[in-house]
Amino acid sequence: METEKYMENKKHIETIEKHFGGEAKEFDTIILKMIPHYNQMVEALVSAVSCQGFSPIQESSAIQESSPIKVIDLGCGTGNISIAILNRYPHAHLTCLDLAENMLEMAKIKLSGYSNVRYIRADLTQFDFDDRYDLVVSSLALHHLLTNDDKRQLYKKVYETLTPNGIFYNADIVLASSDSLQEMYLSQWKKFIAKSTPQDEIENKWIPKYYEEDRPAILMDQLSWLSDIGFVNVDVIWKYYNFAVYGGVKHGGMR
């Protein structure tokens, strides 16, 4: 059974890598067509980090007075979340992790103005954190993990790698708590995509890709997993039908 699960996961990861590796150059254009209010979602994540206690460095602040935070972006893609974090926290030490080499290359271009960034190519299911982080973020990546147990195990790893009071937020695609709500979620998603994409492309390309590659989990279940692991202040920061920003703080003193 272990070998069967390994081979299933390996095939799934190879599909994901091929998909996103091939779309790297067009990714930023595609994402605005596919993800409702994407920029608002990114801003919500960064704003949530700020209100939890990492105050942005003001222009008048002396650099030596800042306390650089360690951040890792899991499934960084072309670096959209990473650049938003660095724009808010220019002295952060950032690690960008992604499975697709082409995505990392695009991220390197986008983040070329920063010297405090390192890049790791890795499969999230096999990755062992090599440092402690004040902030762990992810966007549109964790729903690719094959099973709910894979997601729970990663959340545990995130919790363990965070420093006391460290923060974790994920911006991702999620499932509703019932089949009827899920049907409504998908209907609303298709309506959004249809604003910029032909109907036949939606039905023959994007929706089949969703069912083939994506393994989202019920949002309310994920909130319970985070709380059970030990996260506090667990909350949904932003939501639009089947997309949400959610996370919490590692217990070690309430923020």
Foldseek 3Di string as FASTA:
>chain_A
DVVVVVVVQVVLLVVVQVVLLVCLVVVVVVCPLQPPPVVVLLVLQLVVVCVQPQPFDDPPDDPVVHDAFEEEEAQCFLNPSVVVNCVRHVRHQYEYEHQHPNRVVNNCVVCVVHPRYYYYHDDLLPDQDPAAGLEYEYEAPLQQRDDPVSSLVSLLRNLVRYDAFRWYKYKHFAAAPDPVLRVVLVVVSLVSSVVPDDPCCCVVPVVVCCVSGGRHYHPVVVLVSNVVSAFPPWDWRDDDRRITMTTGTHHDDGD
